[in-house]
Amino acid sequence: MTFIAMVAILLPPLGAAAVVFWLGRQQKREGRRSPLTEKLAYLPGEQLRRRMDVMSEKIDEYLILLVVVGPLATLVVLLPRVAWSRLSFTWLDGGVVVAALAFTVMTICKLVPRWRERRACHDGMRAEIATAQLLDRLQAEGCLVLHDLPAERFNIDHVVIGRTSVFAVETKSRRKPGTGKASAQVSFDGSALHFPGWNETKSLDQARHQARWLSDYLRGETGEPVPVLPVLCLPGWFVSADRDAARSDVRVINPKFKQPFLDAGGRAPFHDAQRNRIVHALYKRYPELDE
C-alpha cells in the first residue's frame, strides 16, 4: 500500500515531465524544419505583444504555484509523521488512487494532441505573417490586401483586390524533411501537390471552396459578378509547375512571386464604384473591436 500511495503522489509530476521530454525527442527525431529562413519584419505592437506573452506566462506560473503550494506544504509536513506500517487502506482508498491514476493518464493523452496542435498553430501563424508581409508589397502596385477575413465557420487567410480580379489566398505551412535543396522543392501537376515524401490535394480543394464562397458573397453584396481566383501560397518552398498546372483554376506559388496578382488575364479592370463596393463588402465581415 505504501508503494501505491507513493505512486499516486509522484506519478502526475513525473508523468508530465516524461511526456514533455518525449515530445521534444519526437520533434527532433522527425528531422523536419520550418521552411521559413528569412527574418520577418515586426507587426504593429509586436514588442508589446511579446511583453504581454511573457507576462501571461509569468501569471500562469504564479497561479500554478498558488494552487500547488498548499498541498505540497501539507505533504511535506505530514508525510514524515505518517506511520505507513500501521495504516490500513480500504477499498474506497484504493478506488481513489485508481481514479487519480486514470485521471493522470487521461490528461496526458489529451496533452499530446494539444501540444502538437499548438506547434502546428505556431507554424501556421509564422507562415501567414510571412505571406502577409510579402503580399502587402502589392499595395505599391495598386492592390488592396486584407488578412484573416472571417467567413462562414472558417476564415480566408488573405484577400487581394487586384485591378481586374479578387484573389482568395490560402497559406499552408509544411515542414521540410531533411536538408538540402531537394527537400525544399514541391511540384504541382494541376491536380495534386508533390512534396518530398508525400502528396497532397486537400489544400487545393480548400482554396477552391474559399474562392467560391467569396465569389458568391461578393455577388450577393455588390449585385454583380466578381471574379475571385483561388491562390495557394507555400512560403519557404520552391514551387515548380508543369504544363498541366496552367490549366488548373488554383495558382500555387511562393508568396514572393507577385506576378499572378498583377496579370489582367484578359479581364476588364474594376471601375472605381465597383471596387469601392467590393472593399465595403469585405470590411463588413470584420467584427467590431471589443474593449
Protein backbone atom coordinates (compact mmCIF):
# COMPACT_ATOMS: atom_id res chain seq x y z
CA MET A 1 0.00 0.00 0.00
CA THR A 2 2.90 2.34 0.74
CA PHE A 3 4.12 1.84 -2.81
CA ILE A 4 0.68 2.58 -4.26
CA ALA A 5 0.37 5.76 -2.22
CA MET A 6 3.78 7.00 -3.35
CA VAL A 7 2.94 6.20 -6.97
CA ALA A 8 -0.28 8.19 -6.68
CA ILE A 9 1.67 11.16 -5.30
CA LEU A 10 4.63 11.09 -7.71
CA LEU A 11 3.09 9.84 -10.97
CA PRO A 12 1.39 13.10 -12.09
CA PRO A 13 4.50 15.35 -12.00
CA LEU A 14 6.84 12.59 -13.19
CA GLY A 15 4.41 11.64 -15.96
CA ALA A 16 4.12 15.23 -17.13
CA ALA A 17 7.91 15.64 -17.17
CA ALA A 18 8.31 12.37 -19.11
CA VAL A 19 5.73 13.41 -21.71
CA VAL A 20 7.36 16.81 -22.25
CA PHE A 21 10.76 15.13 -22.67
CA TRP A 22 9.32 12.52 -25.06
CA LEU A 23 7.58 15.15 -27.20
CA GLY A 24 10.82 17.09 -27.50
CA ARG A 25 12.71 13.97 -28.56
CA GLN A 26 9.97 13.10 -31.07
CA GLN A 27 10.21 16.53 -32.68
CA LYS A 28 13.98 16.18 -33.09
CA ARG A 29 13.63 12.61 -34.41
CA GLU A 30 11.19 13.76 -37.11
CA GLY A 31 14.02 15.65 -38.78
CA ARG A 32 11.66 18.29 -40.12
CA ARG A 33 12.37 22.00 -40.06
CA SER A 34 10.50 25.19 -40.71
CA PRO A 35 10.54 26.29 -44.37
CA LEU A 36 10.92 29.93 -43.30
CA THR A 37 14.52 31.08 -43.28
CA GLU A 38 14.13 34.83 -43.72
CA LYS A 39 13.67 37.32 -40.93
CA LEU A 40 10.17 38.74 -40.51
CA ALA A 41 9.53 42.43 -40.01
CA TYR A 42 7.72 43.35 -36.82
CA LEU A 43 3.98 43.90 -36.95
CA PRO A 44 2.43 46.95 -35.26
CA GLY A 45 2.64 46.48 -31.50
CA GLU A 46 4.93 43.45 -31.82
CA GLN A 47 7.16 44.45 -28.92
CA LEU A 48 4.15 44.98 -26.66
CA ARG A 49 2.65 41.66 -27.77
CA ARG A 50 5.84 39.85 -26.82
CA ARG A 51 5.91 41.56 -23.45
CA MET A 52 2.27 40.55 -22.92
CA ASP A 53 3.11 36.93 -23.82
CA VAL A 54 5.93 36.93 -21.27
CA MET A 55 3.66 38.45 -18.63
CA SER A 56 0.95 35.90 -19.42
CA GLU A 57 3.42 33.05 -18.92
CA LYS A 58 4.56 34.56 -15.62
CA ILE A 59 0.97 34.97 -14.45
CA ASP A 60 0.24 31.32 -15.30
CA GLU A 61 3.33 30.23 -13.36
CA TYR A 62 2.28 32.26 -10.30
CA LEU A 63 -1.26 30.88 -10.43
CA ILE A 64 0.05 27.31 -10.62
CA LEU A 65 2.34 27.98 -7.65
CA LEU A 66 -0.58 29.35 -5.65
CA VAL A 67 -2.62 26.23 -6.44
CA VAL A 68 0.07 23.67 -5.52
CA VAL A 69 1.88 25.38 -2.63
CA GLY A 70 -0.82 24.41 -0.10
CA PRO A 71 -0.98 20.69 -0.95
CA LEU A 72 2.84 20.48 -1.22
CA ALA A 73 3.32 22.12 2.17
CA THR A 74 0.78 19.73 3.66
CA LEU A 75 2.61 16.72 2.21
CA VAL A 76 6.00 17.93 3.45
CA VAL A 77 4.63 18.42 6.97
CA LEU A 78 2.53 15.26 7.24
CA LEU A 79 4.34 12.56 5.25
CA PRO A 80 7.28 12.20 7.65
CA ARG A 81 4.80 11.76 10.51
CA VAL A 82 2.81 9.01 8.82
CA ALA A 83 3.32 5.54 10.26
CA TRP A 84 2.84 3.68 6.99
CA SER A 85 3.09 0.26 8.59
CA ARG A 86 0.11 0.95 10.81
CA LEU A 87 -2.13 2.26 8.07
CA SER A 88 -4.88 0.10 6.65
CA PHE A 89 -6.28 1.03 3.27
CA THR A 90 -9.89 0.33 2.38
CA TRP A 91 -11.38 -0.39 -1.00
CA LEU A 92 -12.52 3.22 -1.11
CA ASP A 93 -8.94 4.41 -0.68
CA GLY A 94 -7.82 2.10 -3.45
CA GLY A 95 -10.62 3.39 -5.69
CA VAL A 96 -9.50 6.96 -5.10
CA VAL A 97 -5.90 6.07 -6.02
CA VAL A 98 -7.01 4.22 -9.17
CA ALA A 99 -9.24 7.15 -10.16
CA ALA A 100 -6.33 9.56 -9.67
CA LEU A 101 -4.05 7.41 -11.81
CA ALA A 102 -6.72 7.08 -14.51
CA PHE A 103 -7.24 10.84 -14.49
CA THR A 104 -3.48 11.37 -14.85
CA VAL A 105 -3.26 9.02 -17.83
CA MET A 106 -6.33 10.59 -19.47
CA THR A 107 -4.91 14.09 -19.01
CA ILE A 108 -1.58 13.06 -20.53
CA CYS A 109 -3.44 11.56 -23.51
CA LYS A 110 -5.17 14.92 -24.02
CA LEU A 111 -1.91 16.84 -23.58
CA VAL A 112 -0.10 15.17 -26.50
CA PRO A 113 -2.52 16.22 -29.30
CA ARG A 114 -2.87 19.71 -27.79
CA TRP A 115 0.90 20.10 -27.83
CA ARG A 116 1.04 19.03 -31.49
CA GLU A 117 -1.87 21.31 -32.35
CA ARG A 118 -0.10 24.24 -30.67
CA ARG A 119 3.04 23.57 -32.68
CA ALA A 120 1.02 23.43 -35.91
CA CYS A 121 -0.72 26.71 -34.99
CA HIS A 122 2.64 28.32 -34.31
CA ASP A 123 4.00 27.19 -37.69
CA GLY A 124 0.80 28.33 -39.42
CA MET A 125 0.92 31.74 -37.74
CA ARG A 126 4.52 32.36 -38.83
CA ALA A 127 3.66 31.27 -42.38
CA GLU A 128 0.66 33.62 -42.51
CA ILE A 129 2.73 36.53 -41.19
CA ALA A 130 5.46 35.86 -43.76
CA THR A 131 2.89 35.67 -46.57
CA ALA A 132 1.10 38.80 -45.34
CA GLN A 133 4.29 40.85 -45.33
CA LEU A 134 5.10 39.75 -48.88
CA LEU A 135 1.57 40.38 -50.14
CA ASP A 136 1.48 43.83 -48.53
CA ARG A 137 4.12 44.88 -51.08
CA LEU A 138 1.41 44.56 -53.74
CA GLN A 139 -0.20 47.72 -52.40
CA ALA A 140 2.55 49.67 -54.15
CA GLU A 141 1.18 48.12 -57.38
CA GLY A 142 -2.35 49.42 -56.72
CA CYS A 143 -3.71 46.34 -54.96
CA LEU A 144 -5.55 46.28 -51.63
CA VAL A 145 -4.63 43.46 -49.26
CA LEU A 146 -6.75 42.23 -46.33
CA HIS A 147 -5.86 39.48 -43.89
CA ASP A 148 -7.72 36.83 -41.89
CA LEU A 149 -11.11 37.59 -43.38
CA PRO A 150 -13.94 36.00 -41.33
CA ALA A 151 -16.23 33.84 -43.48
CA GLU A 152 -18.88 31.25 -42.61
CA ARG A 153 -17.32 28.98 -39.96
CA PHE A 154 -13.87 29.48 -41.49
CA ASN A 155 -11.53 32.28 -42.39
CA ILE A 156 -9.70 33.28 -45.54
CA ASP A 157 -6.05 33.91 -44.75
CA HIS A 158 -5.61 36.79 -47.21
CA VAL A 159 -7.71 38.60 -49.79
CA VAL A 160 -6.03 40.60 -52.55
CA ILE A 161 -8.14 43.06 -54.54
CA GLY A 162 -6.28 43.49 -57.79
CA ARG A 163 -7.01 45.65 -60.80
CA THR A 164 -9.23 43.07 -62.52
CA SER A 165 -9.84 40.28 -60.01
CA VAL A 166 -10.11 39.39 -56.36
CA PHE A 167 -7.81 36.65 -55.05
CA ALA A 168 -8.68 34.34 -52.16
CA VAL A 169 -5.30 33.32 -50.78
CA GLU A 170 -4.79 30.28 -48.59
CA THR A 171 -1.43 29.87 -46.83
CA LYS A 172 -0.06 26.50 -45.79
CA SER A 173 2.96 25.74 -43.62
CA ARG A 174 4.66 22.45 -44.38
CA ARG A 175 7.85 21.48 -42.58
CA LYS A 176 10.77 20.45 -44.78
CA PRO A 177 12.12 16.92 -44.38
CA GLY A 178 15.89 16.59 -44.15
CA THR A 179 18.33 19.09 -45.59
CA GLY A 180 19.48 20.22 -49.00
CA LYS A 181 17.84 21.99 -51.90
CA ALA A 182 15.72 18.98 -52.90
CA SER A 183 13.98 19.00 -49.52
CA ALA A 184 12.55 22.44 -50.27
CA GLN A 185 11.00 21.67 -53.67
CA VAL A 186 7.35 20.94 -54.34
CA SER A 187 5.84 20.25 -57.75
CA PHE A 188 2.29 20.95 -58.90
CA ASP A 189 0.76 18.97 -61.76
CA GLY A 190 -2.63 20.68 -61.79
CA SER A 191 -4.36 18.12 -59.59
CA ALA A 192 -2.01 17.43 -56.68
CA LEU A 193 0.97 18.82 -54.80
CA HIS A 194 4.02 16.55 -54.71
CA PHE A 195 6.16 17.22 -51.65
CA PRO A 196 9.31 15.24 -50.82
CA GLY A 197 7.79 12.05 -49.42
CA TRP A 198 4.07 12.78 -49.68
CA ASN A 199 1.33 14.10 -51.96
CA GLU A 200 -1.49 16.45 -51.09
CA THR A 201 -4.80 17.58 -52.62
CA LYS A 202 -6.86 18.75 -49.63
CA SER A 203 -5.32 22.23 -49.54
CA LEU A 204 -6.21 22.74 -53.22
CA ASP A 205 -9.84 21.84 -52.53
CA GLN A 206 -9.84 24.21 -49.58
CA ALA A 207 -8.58 27.08 -51.74
CA ARG A 208 -11.30 26.39 -54.31
CA HIS A 209 -14.03 26.24 -51.67
CA GLN A 210 -12.97 29.57 -50.17
CA ALA A 211 -12.83 31.27 -53.55
CA ARG A 212 -16.32 30.02 -54.43
CA TRP A 213 -17.70 31.25 -51.12
CA LEU A 214 -16.10 34.67 -51.56
CA SER A 215 -17.39 34.97 -55.12
CA ASP A 216 -20.95 34.16 -54.01
CA TYR A 217 -20.68 36.55 -51.08
CA LEU A 218 -19.43 39.46 -53.19
CA ARG A 219 -22.08 38.83 -55.83
CA GLY A 220 -24.76 38.99 -53.15
CA GLU A 221 -23.33 42.16 -51.57
CA THR A 222 -22.48 44.11 -54.73
CA GLY A 223 -25.24 42.87 -57.02
CA GLU A 224 -22.84 41.97 -59.81
CA PRO A 225 -20.46 39.06 -60.57
CA VAL A 226 -16.95 39.44 -59.16
CA PRO A 227 -14.15 37.18 -60.43
CA VAL A 228 -12.47 35.51 -57.45
CA LEU A 229 -9.41 33.37 -58.13
CA PRO A 230 -8.04 30.79 -55.66
CA VAL A 231 -4.36 31.01 -54.77
CA LEU A 232 -2.38 28.64 -52.57
CA CYS A 233 0.80 30.11 -51.03
CA LEU A 234 3.62 27.92 -49.73
CA PRO A 235 6.13 30.26 -48.07
CA GLY A 236 9.67 28.93 -47.96
CA TRP A 237 9.13 26.35 -50.74
CA PHE A 238 10.38 26.34 -54.30
CA VAL A 239 7.27 25.65 -56.39
CA SER A 240 7.60 24.09 -59.83
CA ALA A 241 4.60 23.65 -62.11
CA ASP A 242 4.28 21.53 -65.24
CA ARG A 243 2.13 22.21 -68.30
CA ASP A 244 -0.99 20.72 -66.78
CA ALA A 245 -0.76 23.14 -63.86
CA ALA A 246 -1.54 26.03 -66.21
CA ARG A 247 -5.00 24.57 -66.80
CA SER A 248 -5.79 24.40 -63.08
CA ASP A 249 -8.07 27.00 -61.54
CA VAL A 250 -5.77 27.19 -58.49
CA ARG A 251 -2.48 29.03 -58.64
CA VAL A 252 0.18 27.51 -56.38
CA ILE A 253 3.04 29.90 -55.66
CA ASN A 254 5.69 31.03 -53.26
CA PRO A 255 4.32 34.39 -51.97
CA LYS A 256 7.47 36.13 -53.21
CA PHE A 257 6.07 35.62 -56.73
CA LYS A 258 3.67 38.52 -57.24
CA GLN A 259 3.02 38.35 -60.98
CA PRO A 260 -0.20 36.23 -60.74
CA PHE A 261 -1.82 39.08 -58.80
CA LEU A 262 -0.90 41.65 -61.44
CA ASP A 263 -1.81 39.81 -64.66
CA ALA A 264 -5.07 41.07 -66.14
CA GLY A 265 -5.85 37.71 -67.75
CA GLY A 266 -7.97 39.42 -70.41
CA ARG A 267 -10.44 40.71 -67.80
CA ALA A 268 -11.72 44.26 -67.74
CA PRO A 269 -10.42 46.36 -64.82
CA PHE A 270 -12.72 47.22 -61.92
CA HIS A 271 -14.22 50.68 -62.15
CA ASP A 272 -13.96 52.82 -59.02
CA ALA A 273 -17.57 52.35 -57.88
CA GLN A 274 -17.36 48.56 -58.21
CA ARG A 275 -14.05 48.44 -56.39
CA ASN A 276 -15.47 50.54 -53.55
CA ARG A 277 -18.44 48.20 -53.23
CA ILE A 278 -16.11 45.21 -53.03
CA VAL A 279 -13.97 46.86 -50.36
CA HIS A 280 -17.04 47.85 -48.35
CA ALA A 281 -18.45 44.31 -48.55
CA LEU A 282 -15.20 42.80 -47.33
CA TYR A 283 -14.83 45.18 -44.40
CA LYS A 284 -18.36 44.25 -43.30
CA ARG A 285 -17.08 40.78 -42.43
CA TYR A 286 -14.82 42.07 -39.69
CA PRO A 287 -16.39 42.32 -36.20
CA GLU A 288 -16.22 45.43 -34.08
CA LEU A 289 -13.37 45.53 -31.60
CA ASP A 290 -14.27 44.67 -28.03
CA GLU A 291 -12.72 46.75 -25.29
